[in-house]
PDB file of all heavy atoms in Angstrom:
ATOM      1  N   ARG A   1     -36.489  51.081 -59.367  1.00  0.00           N
ATOM      2  CA  ARG A   1     -37.685  50.370 -59.126  1.00  0.00           C
ATOM      3  C   ARG A   1     -38.908  51.339 -59.066  1.00  0.00           C
ATOM      4  O   ARG A   1     -40.061  50.941 -59.375  1.00  0.00           O
ATOM      5  CB  ARG A   1     -37.647  49.578 -57.818  1.00  0.00           C
ATOM      6  CG  ARG A   1     -36.871  48.320 -57.893  1.00  0.00           C
ATOM      7  CD  ARG A   1     -37.113  47.395 -56.669  1.00  0.00           C
ATOM      8  NE  ARG A   1     -36.617  46.110 -56.866  1.00  0.00           N
ATOM      9  CZ  ARG A   1     -35.453  45.624 -56.391  1.00  0.00           C
ATOM     10  NH1 ARG A   1     -34.676  46.419 -55.639  1.00  0.00           N
ATOM     11  NH2 ARG A   1     -35.028  44.405 -56.584  1.00  0.00           N
ATOM     12  N   ARG A   2     -38.667  52.590 -58.740  1.00  0.00           N
ATOM     13  CA  ARG A   2     -39.716  53.591 -58.736  1.00  0.00           C
ATOM     14  C   ARG A   2     -39.887  54.254 -60.130  1.00  0.00           C
ATOM     15  O   ARG A   2     -40.674  55.156 -60.320  1.00  0.00           O
ATOM     16  CB  ARG A   2     -39.437  54.663 -57.703  1.00  0.00           C
ATOM     17  CG  ARG A   2     -40.093  54.344 -56.320  1.00  0.00           C
ATOM     18  CD  ARG A   2     -39.328  53.274 -55.673  1.00  0.00           C
ATOM     19  NE  ARG A   2     -40.028  52.623 -54.524  1.00  0.00           N
ATOM     20  CZ  ARG A   2     -39.663  51.504 -53.972  1.00  0.00           C
ATOM     21  NH1 ARG A   2     -38.612  50.874 -54.439  1.00  0.00           N
ATOM     22  NH2 ARG A   2     -40.329  50.995 -52.987  1.00  0.00           N
ATOM     23  N   GLY A   3     -39.186  53.712 -61.090  1.00  0.00           N
ATOM     24  CA  GLY A   3     -39.407  54.183 -62.473  1.00  0.00           C
ATOM     25  C   GLY A   3     -38.570  55.354 -62.937  1.00  0.00           C
ATOM     26  O   GLY A   3     -38.952  56.018 -63.890  1.00  0.00           O
ATOM     27  N   TRP A   4     -37.436  55.591 -62.235  1.00  0.00           N
ATOM     28  CA  TRP A   4     -36.597  56.683 -62.686  1.00  0.00           C
ATOM     29  C   TRP A   4     -35.506  56.154 -63.635  1.00  0.00           C
ATOM     30  O   TRP A   4     -34.806  55.227 -63.331  1.00  0.00           O
ATOM     31  CB  TRP A   4     -35.912  57.313 -61.493  1.00  0.00           C
ATOM     32  CG  TRP A   4     -36.816  58.116 -60.575  1.00  0.00           C
ATOM     33  CD1 TRP A   4     -37.460  57.607 -59.442  1.00  0.00           C
ATOM     34  CD2 TRP A   4     -37.240  59.443 -60.715  1.00  0.00           C
ATOM     35  NE1 TRP A   4     -38.240  58.628 -58.890  1.00  0.00           N
ATOM     36  CE2 TRP A   4     -38.103  59.773 -59.641  1.00  0.00           C
ATOM     37  CE3 TRP A   4     -36.944  60.460 -61.654  1.00  0.00           C
ATOM     38  CZ2 TRP A   4     -38.714  61.010 -59.493  1.00  0.00           C
ATOM     39  CZ3 TRP A   4     -37.528  61.742 -61.482  1.00  0.00           C
ATOM     40  CH2 TRP A   4     -38.399  61.975 -60.393  1.00  0.00           C
ATOM     41  N   ASP A   5     -35.364  56.827 -64.801  1.00  0.00           N
ATOM     42  CA  ASP A   5     -34.205  56.593 -65.608  1.00  0.00           C
ATOM     43  C   ASP A   5     -33.017  57.099 -64.823  1.00  0.00           C
ATOM     44  O   ASP A   5     -32.898  58.336 -64.550  1.00  0.00           O
ATOM     45  CB  ASP A   5     -34.315  57.373 -66.906  1.00  0.00           C
ATOM     46  CG  ASP A   5     -35.306  56.710 -67.866  1.00  0.00           C
ATOM     47  OD1 ASP A   5     -35.858  55.706 -67.564  1.00  0.00           O
ATOM     48  OD2 ASP A   5     -35.477  57.329 -69.007  1.00  0.00           O
ATOM     49  N   SER A   6     -32.087  56.226 -64.409  1.00  0.00           N
ATOM     50  CA  SER A   6     -31.083  56.548 -63.411  1.00  0.00           C
ATOM     51  C   SER A   6     -29.682  56.525 -64.055  1.00  0.00           C
ATOM     52  O   SER A   6     -29.319  55.557 -64.668  1.00  0.00           O
ATOM     53  CB  SER A   6     -31.149  55.536 -62.241  1.00  0.00           C
ATOM     54  OG  SER A   6     -32.412  55.649 -61.633  1.00  0.00           O
ATOM     55  N   TYR A   7     -28.945  57.613 -63.824  1.00  0.00           N
ATOM     56  CA  TYR A   7     -27.590  57.768 -64.367  1.00  0.00           C
ATOM     57  C   TYR A   7     -26.639  57.918 -63.198  1.00  0.00           C
ATOM     58  O   TYR A   7     -26.626  58.896 -62.431  1.00  0.00           O
ATOM     59  CB  TYR A   7     -27.495  59.024 -65.268  1.00  0.00           C
ATOM     60  CG  TYR A   7     -28.244  58.812 -66.562  1.00  0.00           C
ATOM     61  CD1 TYR A   7     -29.667  58.790 -66.590  1.00  0.00           C
ATOM     62  CD2 TYR A   7     -27.584  58.687 -67.765  1.00  0.00           C
ATOM     63  CE1 TYR A   7     -30.329  58.606 -67.824  1.00  0.00           C
ATOM     64  CE2 TYR A   7     -28.212  58.538 -68.985  1.00  0.00           C
ATOM     65  CZ  TYR A   7     -29.589  58.498 -68.981  1.00  0.00           C
ATOM     66  OH  TYR A   7     -30.270  58.352 -70.195  1.00  0.00           O
ATOM     67  N   ASN A   8     -25.769  56.921 -62.974  1.00  0.00           N
ATOM     68  CA  ASN A   8     -24.853  56.867 -61.862  1.00  0.00           C
ATOM     69  C   ASN A   8     -23.426  57.034 -62.382  1.00  0.00           C
ATOM     70  O   ASN A   8     -22.975  56.339 -63.283  1.00  0.00           O
ATOM     71  CB  ASN A   8     -25.001  55.493 -61.134  1.00  0.00           C
ATOM     72  CG  ASN A   8     -24.317  55.466 -59.798  1.00  0.00           C
ATOM     73  OD1 ASN A   8     -24.158  56.505 -59.152  1.00  0.00           O
ATOM     74  ND2 ASN A   8     -23.906  54.320 -59.392  1.00  0.00           N
ATOM     75  N   SER A   9     -22.684  57.993 -61.809  1.00  0.00           N
ATOM     76  CA  SER A   9     -21.418  58.412 -62.393  1.00  0.00           C
ATOM     77  C   SER A   9     -20.234  58.180 -61.480  1.00  0.00           C
ATOM     78  O   SER A   9     -20.340  58.130 -60.255  1.00  0.00           O
ATOM     79  CB  SER A   9     -21.451  59.856 -62.801  1.00  0.00           C
ATOM     80  OG  SER A   9     -21.815  60.671 -61.686  1.00  0.00           O
ATOM     81  N   ASP A  10     -19.065  58.018 -62.070  1.00  0.00           N
ATOM     82  CA  ASP A  10     -17.783  58.161 -61.398  1.00  0.00           C
ATOM     83  C   ASP A  10     -17.163  59.450 -61.879  1.00  0.00           C
ATOM     84  O   ASP A  10     -16.876  59.585 -63.080  1.00  0.00           O
ATOM     85  CB  ASP A  10     -16.835  56.976 -61.768  1.00  0.00           C
ATOM     86  CG  ASP A  10     -17.308  55.638 -61.207  1.00  0.00           C
ATOM     87  OD1 ASP A  10     -18.276  55.555 -60.450  1.00  0.00           O
ATOM     88  OD2 ASP A  10     -16.639  54.607 -61.555  1.00  0.00           O
ATOM     89  N   ALA A  11     -16.999  60.422 -61.030  1.00  0.00           N
ATOM     90  CA  ALA A  11     -16.562  61.714 -61.433  1.00  0.00           C
ATOM     91  C   ALA A  11     -15.096  61.684 -61.899  1.00  0.00           C
ATOM     92  O   ALA A  11     -14.393  60.679 -61.768  1.00  0.00           O
ATOM     93  CB  ALA A  11     -16.669  62.728 -60.282  1.00  0.00           C
ATOM     94  N   VAL A  12     -14.636  62.808 -62.429  1.00  0.00           N
ATOM     95  CA  VAL A  12     -13.274  62.955 -62.897  1.00  0.00           C
ATOM     96  C   VAL A  12     -12.299  62.442 -61.821  1.00  0.00           C
ATOM     97  O   VAL A  12     -12.485  62.783 -60.642  1.00  0.00           O
ATOM     98  CB  VAL A  12     -12.970  64.426 -63.238  1.00  0.00           C
ATOM     99  CG1 VAL A  12     -11.504  64.643 -63.523  1.00  0.00           C
ATOM    100  CG2 VAL A  12     -13.837  64.908 -64.390  1.00  0.00           C
ATOM    101  N   GLU A  13     -11.268  61.659 -62.244  1.00  0.00           N
ATOM    102  CA  GLU A  13     -10.227  61.105 -61.375  1.00  0.00           C
ATOM    103  C   GLU A  13     -10.643  59.991 -60.480  1.00  0.00           C
ATOM    104  O   GLU A  13      -9.865  59.426 -59.748  1.00  0.00           O
ATOM    105  CB  GLU A  13      -9.553  62.214 -60.534  1.00  0.00           C
ATOM    106  CG  GLU A  13     -10.590  62.825 -59.654  1.00  0.00           C
ATOM    107  CD  GLU A  13     -10.222  63.353 -58.267  1.00  0.00           C
ATOM    108  OE1 GLU A  13      -9.733  64.480 -58.243  1.00  0.00           O
ATOM    109  OE2 GLU A  13     -10.518  62.606 -57.330  1.00  0.00           O
ATOM    110  N   ARG A  14     -11.906  59.581 -60.573  1.00  0.00           N
ATOM    111  CA  ARG A  14     -12.430  58.492 -59.674  1.00  0.00           C
ATOM    112  C   ARG A  14     -12.837  57.270 -60.511  1.00  0.00           C
ATOM    113  O   ARG A  14     -13.388  57.371 -61.570  1.00  0.00           O
ATOM    114  CB  ARG A  14     -13.643  58.974 -58.942  1.00  0.00           C
ATOM    115  CG  ARG A  14     -13.615  60.342 -58.298  1.00  0.00           C
ATOM    116  CD  ARG A  14     -12.759  60.391 -57.036  1.00  0.00           C
ATOM    117  NE  ARG A  14     -12.689  61.817 -56.579  1.00  0.00           N
ATOM    118  CZ  ARG A  14     -13.677  62.400 -55.899  1.00  0.00           C
ATOM    119  NH1 ARG A  14     -14.741  61.768 -55.554  1.00  0.00           N
ATOM    120  NH2 ARG A  14     -13.511  63.673 -55.578  1.00  0.00           N
ATOM    121  N   GLY A  15     -12.520  56.098 -59.954  1.00  0.00           N
ATOM    122  CA  GLY A  15     -13.067  54.837 -60.474  1.00  0.00           C
ATOM    123  C   GLY A  15     -12.829  54.687 -61.935  1.00  0.00           C
ATOM    124  O   GLY A  15     -11.752  54.819 -62.498  1.00  0.00           O
ATOM    125  N   ARG A  16     -13.917  54.382 -62.665  1.00  0.00           N
ATOM    126  CA  ARG A  16     -13.825  54.048 -64.084  1.00  0.00           C
ATOM    127  C   ARG A  16     -13.672  55.290 -64.962  1.00  0.00           C
ATOM    128  O   ARG A  16     -13.528  55.167 -66.190  1.00  0.00           O
ATOM    129  CB  ARG A  16     -15.061  53.244 -64.503  1.00  0.00           C
ATOM    130  CG  ARG A  16     -15.008  51.812 -64.030  1.00  0.00           C
ATOM    131  CD  ARG A  16     -16.216  51.007 -64.319  1.00  0.00           C
ATOM    132  NE  ARG A  16     -17.301  51.393 -63.464  1.00  0.00           N
ATOM    133  CZ  ARG A  16     -18.532  50.806 -63.491  1.00  0.00           C
ATOM    134  NH1 ARG A  16     -18.780  49.861 -64.360  1.00  0.00           N
ATOM    135  NH2 ARG A  16     -19.488  51.204 -62.655  1.00  0.00           N
ATOM    136  N   ALA A  17     -13.695  56.489 -64.371  1.00  0.00           N
ATOM    137  CA  ALA A  17     -13.307  57.710 -65.147  1.00  0.00           C
ATOM    138  C   ALA A  17     -11.853  57.661 -65.508  1.00  0.00           C
ATOM    139  O   ALA A  17     -11.442  58.262 -66.458  1.00  0.00           O
ATOM    140  CB  ALA A  17     -13.667  58.975 -64.318  1.00  0.00           C
ATOM    141  N   GLY A  18     -11.057  56.960 -64.694  1.00  0.00           N
ATOM    142  CA  GLY A  18      -9.606  56.791 -64.983  1.00  0.00           C
ATOM    143  C   GLY A  18      -8.817  57.943 -64.459  1.00  0.00           C
ATOM    144  O   GLY A  18      -9.351  58.951 -63.926  1.00  0.00           O
ATOM    145  N   PHE A  19      -7.518  57.866 -64.556  1.00  0.00           N
ATOM    146  CA  PHE A  19      -6.621  58.891 -64.068  1.00  0.00           C
ATOM    147  C   PHE A  19      -5.999  59.655 -65.254  1.00  0.00           C
ATOM    148  O   PHE A  19      -6.376  59.446 -66.360  1.00  0.00           O
ATOM    149  CB  PHE A  19      -5.497  58.249 -63.199  1.00  0.00           C
ATOM    150  CG  PHE A  19      -6.052  57.655 -61.933  1.00  0.00           C
ATOM    151  CD1 PHE A  19      -6.291  56.276 -61.823  1.00  0.00           C
ATOM    152  CD2 PHE A  19      -6.361  58.415 -60.830  1.00  0.00           C
ATOM    153  CE1 PHE A  19      -6.787  55.721 -60.692  1.00  0.00           C
ATOM    154  CE2 PHE A  19      -6.886  57.891 -59.700  1.00  0.00           C
ATOM    155  CZ  PHE A  19      -7.105  56.524 -59.595  1.00  0.00           C
ATOM    156  N   ALA A  20      -5.072  60.477 -64.965  1.00  0.00           N
ATOM    157  CA  ALA A  20      -4.380  61.302 -65.995  1.00  0.00           C
ATOM    158  C   ALA A  20      -2.893  61.185 -65.791  1.00  0.00           C
ATOM    159  O   ALA A  20      -2.429  60.799 -64.672  1.00  0.00           O
ATOM    160  CB  ALA A  20      -4.818  62.754 -65.860  1.00  0.00           C
ATOM    161  N   PRO A  21      -2.088  61.475 -66.776  1.00  0.00           N
ATOM    162  CA  PRO A  21      -0.627  61.433 -66.597  1.00  0.00           C
ATOM    163  C   PRO A  21      -0.188  62.414 -65.561  1.00  0.00           C
ATOM    164  O   PRO A  21      -0.892  63.383 -65.221  1.00  0.00           O
ATOM    165  CB  PRO A  21      -0.119  61.842 -68.016  1.00  0.00           C
ATOM    166  CG  PRO A  21      -1.209  61.654 -68.940  1.00  0.00           C
ATOM    167  CD  PRO A  21      -2.483  61.825 -68.150  1.00  0.00           C
ATOM    168  N   PRO A  22       0.976  62.175 -64.944  1.00  0.00           N
ATOM    169  CA  PRO A  22       1.446  63.123 -63.967  1.00  0.00           C
ATOM    170  C   PRO A  22       1.493  64.548 -64.487  1.00  0.00           C
ATOM    171  O   PRO A  22       1.719  64.769 -65.703  1.00  0.00           O
ATOM    172  CB  PRO A  22       2.875  62.595 -63.671  1.00  0.00           C
ATOM    173  CG  PRO A  22       2.823  61.187 -64.017  1.00  0.00           C
ATOM    174  CD  PRO A  22       1.839  61.044 -65.143  1.00  0.00           C
ATOM    175  N   ASP A  23       1.259  65.498 -63.633  1.00  0.00           N
ATOM    176  CA  ASP A  23       1.266  66.922 -63.910  1.00  0.00           C
ATOM    177  C   ASP A  23      -0.039  67.458 -64.426  1.00  0.00           C
ATOM    178  O   ASP A  23      -0.265  68.673 -64.468  1.00  0.00           O
ATOM    179  CB  ASP A  23       2.384  67.332 -64.892  1.00  0.00           C
ATOM    180  CG  ASP A  23       3.782  66.909 -64.453  1.00  0.00           C
ATOM    181  OD1 ASP A  23       3.971  66.838 -63.209  1.00  0.00           O
ATOM    182  OD2 ASP A  23       4.587  66.611 -65.275  1.00  0.00           O
ATOM    183  N   VAL A  24      -0.991  66.534 -64.876  1.00  0.00           N
ATOM    184  CA  VAL A  24      -2.310  67.044 -65.313  1.00  0.00           C
ATOM    185  C   VAL A  24      -3.100  67.469 -64.088  1.00  0.00           C
ATOM    186  O   VAL A  24      -3.731  68.515 -64.032  1.00  0.00           O
ATOM    187  CB  VAL A  24      -3.045  66.027 -66.153  1.00  0.00           C
ATOM    188  CG1 VAL A  24      -4.465  66.433 -66.448  1.00  0.00           C
ATOM    189  CG2 VAL A  24      -2.279  65.797 -67.485  1.00  0.00           C
ATOM    190  N   PHE A  25      -3.116  66.557 -63.104  1.00  0.00           N
ATOM    191  CA  PHE A  25      -3.720  66.886 -61.804  1.00  0.00           C
ATOM    192  C   PHE A  25      -2.655  67.465 -60.903  1.00  0.00           C
ATOM    193  O   PHE A  25      -1.673  66.781 -60.573  1.00  0.00           O
ATOM    194  CB  PHE A  25      -4.321  65.671 -61.115  1.00  0.00           C
ATOM    195  CG  PHE A  25      -5.408  64.965 -61.860  1.00  0.00           C
ATOM    196  CD1 PHE A  25      -5.649  63.622 -61.687  1.00  0.00           C
ATOM    197  CD2 PHE A  25      -6.221  65.698 -62.765  1.00  0.00           C
ATOM    198  CE1 PHE A  25      -6.652  62.987 -62.378  1.00  0.00           C
ATOM    199  CE2 PHE A  25      -7.226  65.019 -63.429  1.00  0.00           C
ATOM    200  CZ  PHE A  25      -7.452  63.703 -63.242  1.00  0.00           C
ATOM    201  N   SER A  26      -2.677  68.723 -60.555  1.00  0.00           N
ATOM    202  CA  SER A  26      -1.626  69.339 -59.743  1.00  0.00           C
ATOM    203  C   SER A  26      -1.741  68.881 -58.318  1.00  0.00           C
ATOM    204  O   SER A  26      -2.851  68.513 -57.831  1.00  0.00           O
ATOM    205  CB  SER A  26      -1.709  70.848 -59.834  1.00  0.00           C
ATOM    206  OG  SER A  26      -2.942  71.337 -59.321  1.00  0.00           O
ATOM    207  N   GLY A  27      -0.651  68.864 -57.617  1.00  0.00           N
ATOM    208  CA  GLY A  27      -0.630  68.433 -56.210  1.00  0.00           C
ATOM    209  C   GLY A  27      -0.647  66.962 -56.082  1.00  0.00           C
ATOM    210  O   GLY A  27      -0.557  66.172 -57.077  1.00  0.00           O
ATOM    211  N   GLU A  28      -0.740  66.471 -54.878  1.00  0.00           N
ATOM    212  CA  GLU A  28      -0.683  65.061 -54.543  1.00  0.00           C
ATOM    213  C   GLU A  28      -2.116  64.591 -54.182  1.00  0.00           C
ATOM    214  O   GLU A  28      -2.906  65.320 -53.567  1.00  0.00           O
ATOM    215  CB  GLU A  28       0.240  64.776 -53.383  1.00  0.00           C
ATOM    216  CG  GLU A  28       1.673  65.060 -53.663  1.00  0.00           C
ATOM    217  CD  GLU A  28       2.280  64.104 -54.690  1.00  0.00           C
ATOM    218  OE1 GLU A  28       1.847  62.945 -54.669  1.00  0.00           O
ATOM    219  OE2 GLU A  28       3.138  64.546 -55.511  1.00  0.00           O
ATOM    220  N   PRO A  29      -2.456  63.329 -54.546  1.00  0.00           N
ATOM    221  CA  PRO A  29      -3.778  62.812 -54.146  1.00  0.00           C
ATOM    222  C   PRO A  29      -3.799  62.577 -52.612  1.00  0.00           C
ATOM    223  O   PRO A  29      -2.795  62.360 -51.982  1.00  0.00           O
ATOM    224  CB  PRO A  29      -3.880  61.494 -54.903  1.00  0.00           C
ATOM    225  CG  PRO A  29      -2.460  61.097 -55.174  1.00  0.00           C
ATOM    226  CD  PRO A  29      -1.675  62.393 -55.330  1.00  0.00           C
ATOM    227  N   VAL A  30      -5.038  62.659 -52.065  1.00  0.00           N
ATOM    228  CA  VAL A  30      -5.254  62.379 -50.658  1.00  0.00           C
ATOM    229  C   VAL A  30      -5.606  60.918 -50.475  1.00  0.00           C
ATOM    230  O   VAL A  30      -6.557  60.408 -51.157  1.00  0.00           O
ATOM    231  CB  VAL A  30      -6.358  63.324 -50.148  1.00  0.00           C
ATOM    232  CG1 VAL A  30      -6.717  62.966 -48.700  1.00  0.00           C
ATOM    233  CG2 VAL A  30      -5.928  64.784 -50.259  1.00  0.00           C
ATOM    234  N   TYR A  31      -4.934  60.233 -49.599  1.00  0.00           N
ATOM    235  CA  TYR A  31      -5.197  58.821 -49.269  1.00  0.00           C
ATOM    236  C   TYR A  31      -5.608  58.758 -47.828  1.00  0.00           C
ATOM    237  O   TYR A  31      -4.783  58.703 -46.946  1.00  0.00           O
ATOM    238  CB  TYR A  31      -3.994  57.974 -49.498  1.00  0.00           C
ATOM    239  CG  TYR A  31      -3.495  57.850 -50.923  1.00  0.00           C
ATOM    240  CD1 TYR A  31      -2.586  58.813 -51.416  1.00  0.00           C
ATOM    241  CD2 TYR A  31      -3.897  56.839 -51.751  1.00  0.00           C
ATOM    242  CE1 TYR A  31      -2.162  58.715 -52.749  1.00  0.00           C
ATOM    243  CE2 TYR A  31      -3.448  56.732 -53.060  1.00  0.00           C
ATOM    244  CZ  TYR A  31      -2.565  57.692 -53.532  1.00  0.00           C
ATOM    245  OH  TYR A  31      -2.132  57.576 -54.845  1.00  0.00           O
ATOM    246  N   PRO A  32      -6.933  58.750 -47.524  1.00  0.00           N
ATOM    247  CA  PRO A  32      -7.342  58.652 -46.107  1.00  0.00           C
ATOM    248  C   PRO A  32      -7.036  57.296 -45.509  1.00  0.00           C
ATOM    249  O   PRO A  32      -7.026  56.293 -46.196  1.00  0.00           O
ATOM    250  CB  PRO A  32      -8.835  58.882 -46.186  1.00  0.00           C
ATOM    251  CG  PRO A  32      -9.241  58.459 -47.555  1.00  0.00           C
ATOM    252  CD  PRO A  32      -8.052  58.794 -48.448  1.00  0.00           C
ATOM    253  N   SER A  33      -6.723  57.275 -44.231  1.00  0.00           N
ATOM    254  CA  SER A  33      -6.449  56.018 -43.528  1.00  0.00           C
ATOM    255  C   SER A  33      -7.787  55.254 -43.278  1.00  0.00           C
ATOM    256  O   SER A  33      -8.890  55.835 -43.484  1.00  0.00           O
ATOM    257  CB  SER A  33      -5.830  56.310 -42.171  1.00  0.00           C
ATOM    258  OG  SER A  33      -6.736  56.968 -41.327  1.00  0.00           O
ATOM    259  N   LYS A  34      -7.660  54.060 -42.889  1.00  0.00           N
ATOM    260  CA  LYS A  34      -8.863  53.229 -42.598  1.00  0.00           C
ATOM    261  C   LYS A  34      -9.712  53.871 -41.530  1.00  0.00           C
ATOM    262  O   LYS A  34     -10.966  53.720 -41.548  1.00  0.00           O
ATOM    263  CB  LYS A  34      -8.428  51.843 -42.198  1.00  0.00           C
ATOM    264  CG  LYS A  34      -9.596  50.889 -41.982  1.00  0.00           C
ATOM    265  CD  LYS A  34      -9.089  49.517 -41.586  1.00  0.00           C
ATOM    266  CE  LYS A  34     -10.264  48.595 -41.183  1.00  0.00           C
ATOM    267  NZ  LYS A  34      -9.841  47.238 -40.756  1.00  0.00           N
ATOM    268  N   SER A  35      -9.126  54.580 -40.541  1.00  0.00           N
ATOM    269  CA  SER A  35      -9.876  55.114 -39.446  1.00  0.00           C
ATOM    270  C   SER A  35     -10.592  56.405 -39.838  1.00  0.00           C
ATOM    271  O   SER A  35     -11.626  56.808 -39.193  1.00  0.00           O
ATOM    272  CB  SER A  35      -8.960  55.423 -38.245  1.00  0.00           C
ATOM    273  OG  SER A  35      -8.015  56.436 -38.616  1.00  0.00           O
ATOM    274  N   ASP A  36     -10.189  57.047 -40.911  1.00  0.00           N
ATOM    275  CA  ASP A  36     -10.720  58.383 -41.290  1.00  0.00           C
ATOM    276  C   ASP A  36     -12.216  58.388 -41.507  1.00  0.00           C
ATOM    277  O   ASP A  36     -12.898  59.219 -40.889  1.00  0.00           O
ATOM    278  CB  ASP A  36      -9.953  58.901 -42.491  1.00  0.00           C
ATOM    279  CG  ASP A  36     -10.392  60.252 -42.915  1.00  0.00           C
ATOM    280  OD1 ASP A  36      -9.872  61.274 -42.452  1.00  0.00           O
ATOM    281  OD2 ASP A  36     -11.331  60.357 -43.767  1.00  0.00           O
TER     282      ASP A  36
END
């Protein structure tokens, strides 16, 4: 609304960026609990 051309992203491994096959991302993903 203030006139900025705005680019909003989902970073690598998040949301619509998608995931990768196993072994591409090393280690295990972190799943925080609801309280975190």
